[in-house]
C-alpha atoms as a PDB file:
ATOM      1  CA  UNK A   1    -155.133  63.019 123.551  1.00  0.00           C
ATOM      2  CA  UNK A   2    -156.488  66.126 125.403  1.00  0.00           C
ATOM      3  CA  UNK A   3    -156.562  69.284 123.289  1.00  0.00           C
ATOM      4  CA  UNK A   4    -156.664  72.281 125.596  1.00  0.00           C
ATOM      5  CA  UNK A   5    -157.283  75.838 124.462  1.00  0.00           C
ATOM      6  CA  UNK A   6    -157.143  79.259 125.875  1.00  0.00           C
ATOM      7  CA  UNK A   7    -158.370  82.244 123.900  1.00  0.00           C
ATOM      8  CA  UNK A   8    -157.612  85.665 125.235  1.00  0.00           C
ATOM      9  CA  UNK A   9    -157.428  89.587 124.864  1.00  0.00           C
ATOM     10  CA  UNK A  10    -154.667  91.492 126.360  1.00  0.00           C
ATOM     11  CA  UNK A  11    -155.420  94.382 128.763  1.00  0.00           C
ATOM     12  CA  UNK A  12    -155.342  97.812 127.102  1.00  0.00           C
ATOM     13  CA  UNK A  13    -152.427  98.967 129.190  1.00  0.00           C
ATOM     14  CA  UNK A  14    -150.383  95.975 128.025  1.00  0.00           C
ATOM     15  CA  UNK A  15    -147.738  97.270 125.587  1.00  0.00           C
ATOM     16  CA  UNK A  16    -146.810  95.458 122.388  1.00  0.00           C
ATOM     17  CA  UNK A  17    -143.339  94.678 124.037  1.00  0.00           C
ATOM     18  CA  UNK A  18    -145.230  93.144 127.026  1.00  0.00           C
ATOM     19  CA  UNK A  19    -147.447  91.271 124.697  1.00  0.00           C
ATOM     20  CA  UNK A  20    -144.395  89.751 122.966  1.00  0.00           C
ATOM     21  CA  UNK A  21    -142.862  88.780 126.240  1.00  0.00           C
ATOM     22  CA  UNK A  22    -146.180  87.052 127.349  1.00  0.00           C
ATOM     23  CA  UNK A  23    -146.389  85.199 124.084  1.00  0.00           C
ATOM     24  CA  UNK A  24    -142.762  84.118 124.464  1.00  0.00           C
ATOM     25  CA  UNK A  25    -143.480  82.819 127.999  1.00  0.00           C
ATOM     26  CA  UNK A  26    -146.528  81.023 126.738  1.00  0.00           C
ATOM     27  CA  UNK A  27    -144.393  79.371 123.985  1.00  0.00           C
ATOM     28  CA  UNK A  28    -141.928  78.310 126.693  1.00  0.00           C
ATOM     29  CA  UNK A  29    -144.848  76.690 128.568  1.00  0.00           C
ATOM     30  CA  UNK A  30    -146.197  75.065 125.415  1.00  0.00           C
ATOM     31  CA  UNK A  31    -142.793  73.477 124.853  1.00  0.00           C
ATOM     32  CA  UNK A  32    -142.537  71.395 128.162  1.00  0.00           C
ATOM     33  CA  UNK A  33    -142.076  67.729 127.764  1.00  0.00           C
ATOM     34  CA  UNK A  34    -145.511  66.888 128.641  1.00  0.00           C
ATOM     35  CA  UNK A  35    -146.932  68.841 125.664  1.00  0.00           C
ATOM     36  CA  UNK A  36    -147.138  66.824 122.480  1.00  0.00           C
ATOM     37  CA  UNK A  37    -147.852  69.792 120.146  1.00  0.00           C
ATOM     38  CA  UNK A  38    -148.834  73.399 120.427  1.00  0.00           C
ATOM     39  CA  UNK A  39    -149.650  76.686 118.755  1.00  0.00           C
ATOM     40  CA  UNK A  40    -149.462  80.015 120.303  1.00  0.00           C
ATOM     41  CA  UNK A  41    -150.192  83.264 118.588  1.00  0.00           C
ATOM     42  CA  UNK A  42    -152.686  85.855 117.177  1.00  0.00           C
ATOM     43  CA  UNK A  43    -156.105  85.056 116.026  1.00  0.00           C
ATOM     44  CA  UNK A  44    -156.585  85.139 112.280  1.00  0.00           C
ATOM     45  CA  UNK A  45    -159.255  87.193 110.761  1.00  0.00           C
ATOM     46  CA  UNK A  46    -161.851  89.510 112.342  1.00  0.00           C
ATOM     47  CA  UNK A  47    -162.695  88.939 116.051  1.00  0.00           C
ATOM     48  CA  UNK A  48    -166.427  89.346 116.921  1.00  0.00           C
ATOM     49  CA  UNK A  49    -165.863  88.577 120.525  1.00  0.00           C
ATOM     50  CA  UNK A  50    -162.790  90.812 121.182  1.00  0.00           C
ATOM     51  CA  UNK A  51    -160.383  87.787 121.611  1.00  0.00           C
ATOM     52  CA  UNK A  52    -157.199  88.422 119.756  1.00  0.00           C
ATOM     53  CA  UNK A  53    -154.838  85.644 120.688  1.00  0.00           C
ATOM     54  CA  UNK A  54    -154.839  81.829 121.442  1.00  0.00           C
ATOM     55  CA  UNK A  55    -152.770  79.147 123.279  1.00  0.00           C
ATOM     56  CA  UNK A  56    -153.509  75.585 122.151  1.00  0.00           C
ATOM     57  CA  UNK A  57    -151.713  72.457 123.399  1.00  0.00           C
ATOM     58  CA  UNK A  58    -152.096  68.823 122.832  1.00  0.00           C
ATOM     59  CA  UNK A  59    -151.497  66.692 125.969  1.00  0.00           C
ATOM     60  CA  UNK A  60    -151.299  62.852 125.610  1.00  0.00           C
ATOM     61  CA  UNK A  61    -153.297  61.732 128.792  1.00  0.00           C
ATOM     62  CA  UNK A  62    -154.069  62.544 132.366  1.00  0.00           C
ATOM     63  CA  UNK A  63    -150.626  61.617 133.620  1.00  0.00           C
ATOM     64  CA  UNK A  64    -149.080  64.066 131.169  1.00  0.00           C
ATOM     65  CA  UNK A  65    -151.782  66.672 132.125  1.00  0.00           C
ATOM     66  CA  UNK A  66    -150.692  66.361 135.765  1.00  0.00           C
ATOM     67  CA  UNK A  67    -147.012  66.817 134.807  1.00  0.00           C
ATOM     68  CA  UNK A  68    -147.980  69.871 132.722  1.00  0.00           C
ATOM     69  CA  UNK A  69    -149.914  71.611 135.491  1.00  0.00           C
ATOM     70  CA  UNK A  70    -146.970  71.204 137.922  1.00  0.00           C
ATOM     71  CA  UNK A  71    -144.160  71.804 135.490  1.00  0.00           C
ATOM     72  CA  UNK A  72    -141.759  74.412 136.927  1.00  0.00           C
ATOM     73  CA  UNK A  73    -141.777  76.342 133.659  1.00  0.00           C
ATOM     74  CA  UNK A  74    -145.599  76.459 133.832  1.00  0.00           C
ATOM     75  CA  UNK A  75    -145.646  77.505 137.464  1.00  0.00           C
ATOM     76  CA  UNK A  76    -142.921  80.186 137.007  1.00  0.00           C
ATOM     77  CA  UNK A  77    -144.598  81.691 133.860  1.00  0.00           C
ATOM     78  CA  UNK A  78    -148.129  82.223 135.087  1.00  0.00           C
ATOM     79  CA  UNK A  79    -147.352  85.160 137.306  1.00  0.00           C
ATOM     80  CA  UNK A  80    -145.858  86.978 134.311  1.00  0.00           C
ATOM     81  CA  UNK A  81    -148.565  85.971 131.920  1.00  0.00           C
ATOM     82  CA  UNK A  82    -151.875  86.031 133.669  1.00  0.00           C
ATOM     83  CA  UNK A  83    -151.861  89.749 134.886  1.00  0.00           C
ATOM     84  CA  UNK A  84    -151.849  90.863 131.221  1.00  0.00           C
ATOM     85  CA  UNK A  85    -155.206  89.039 130.326  1.00  0.00           C
ATOM     86  CA  UNK A  86    -158.309  91.182 130.152  1.00  0.00           C
ATOM     87  CA  UNK A  87    -160.476  88.353 128.940  1.00  0.00           C
ATOM     88  CA  UNK A  88    -159.707  84.690 129.117  1.00  0.00           C
ATOM     89  CA  UNK A  89    -161.847  82.023 127.628  1.00  0.00           C
ATOM     90  CA  UNK A  90    -160.859  78.451 128.661  1.00  0.00           C
ATOM     91  CA  UNK A  91    -161.865  75.710 126.363  1.00  0.00           C
ATOM     92  CA  UNK A  92    -163.812  74.026 124.944  1.00  0.00           C
ATOM     93  CA  UNK A  93    -161.367  71.244 125.232  1.00  0.00           C
ATOM     94  CA  UNK A  94    -161.489  68.265 122.896  1.00  0.00           C
ATOM     95  CA  UNK A  95    -160.462  64.666 123.369  1.00  0.00           C
ATOM     96  CA  UNK A  96    -160.317  61.412 121.744  1.00  0.00           C
ATOM     97  CA  UNK A  97    -160.361  59.595 125.084  1.00  0.00           C
ATOM     98  CA  UNK A  98    -163.539  57.535 125.329  1.00  0.00           C
ATOM     99  CA  UNK A  99    -163.552  57.799 129.191  1.00  0.00           C
ATOM    100  CA  UNK A 100    -166.922  59.383 130.195  1.00  0.00           C
ATOM    101  CA  UNK A 101    -165.444  60.634 133.374  1.00  0.00           C
ATOM    102  CA  UNK A 102    -162.418  62.457 131.789  1.00  0.00           C
ATOM    103  CA  UNK A 103    -163.943  65.960 132.338  1.00  0.00           C
ATOM    104  CA  UNK A 104    -164.325  65.193 136.062  1.00  0.00           C
ATOM    105  CA  UNK A 105    -160.918  63.862 136.363  1.00  0.00           C
ATOM    106  CA  UNK A 106    -159.398  66.926 134.709  1.00  0.00           C
ATOM    107  CA  UNK A 107    -161.336  69.202 137.064  1.00  0.00           C
ATOM    108  CA  UNK A 108    -159.969  67.194 139.980  1.00  0.00           C
ATOM    109  CA  UNK A 109    -156.444  67.884 138.789  1.00  0.00           C
ATOM    110  CA  UNK A 110    -157.250  71.510 138.482  1.00  0.00           C
ATOM    111  CA  UNK A 111    -158.893  71.511 141.962  1.00  0.00           C
ATOM    112  CA  UNK A 112    -155.733  69.933 143.548  1.00  0.00           C
ATOM    113  CA  UNK A 113    -153.588  72.608 141.981  1.00  0.00           C
ATOM    114  CA  UNK A 114    -155.758  75.334 143.353  1.00  0.00           C
ATOM    115  CA  UNK A 115    -155.548  73.813 146.714  1.00  0.00           C
ATOM    116  CA  UNK A 116    -151.811  73.306 146.654  1.00  0.00           C
ATOM    117  CA  UNK A 117    -151.168  76.831 145.196  1.00  0.00           C
ATOM    118  CA  UNK A 118    -153.775  79.274 146.636  1.00  0.00           C
ATOM    119  CA  UNK A 119    -151.641  82.127 145.154  1.00  0.00           C
ATOM    120  CA  UNK A 120    -152.646  80.676 141.585  1.00  0.00           C
ATOM    121  CA  UNK A 121    -156.175  80.870 142.494  1.00  0.00           C
ATOM    122  CA  UNK A 122    -155.724  84.550 143.447  1.00  0.00           C
ATOM    123  CA  UNK A 123    -153.833  85.105 140.203  1.00  0.00           C
ATOM    124  CA  UNK A 124    -156.525  83.656 138.071  1.00  0.00           C
ATOM    125  CA  UNK A 125    -159.130  85.823 140.098  1.00  0.00           C
ATOM    126  CA  UNK A 126    -157.329  88.884 139.021  1.00  0.00           C
ATOM    127  CA  UNK A 127    -158.388  88.445 135.448  1.00  0.00           C
ATOM    128  CA  UNK A 128    -161.371  90.749 134.731  1.00  0.00           C
ATOM    129  CA  UNK A 129    -163.273  88.323 132.639  1.00  0.00           C
ATOM    130  CA  UNK A 130    -162.816  84.529 132.692  1.00  0.00           C
ATOM    131  CA  UNK A 131    -165.249  82.165 130.993  1.00  0.00           C
ATOM    132  CA  UNK A 132    -165.314  78.450 130.632  1.00  0.00           C
ATOM    133  CA  UNK A 133    -166.527  77.489 127.163  1.00  0.00           C
ATOM    134  CA  UNK A 134    -168.263  74.177 127.129  1.00  0.00           C
END
């Protein structure tokens, strides 16, 4: 199982109505067949880092991850979701897979998507602050 998490803060100009629309699209993405379980919503308690919401999905294995990355619901949703992020923290991801090369294989899947969809790379580059949490 690969547990993937995103934590984020909306841009100041994103209205509450837009926030709800983004969360609804994230829930649609989290409900695709390649996702085993998911939680999408607001952070509980005080935020010391400014992050207010999270997106957490469990994905069974690398094959499911590949399907998830290219799922039409995921691809269609990102252009409506990503522009509303002010800060995005990716990870740290967690796994029970003993493969020592799993992180490299995940990054290879991500790199192939960036190469296949350069507009996705541009979209991600539009987020003012993106951090990878290790």
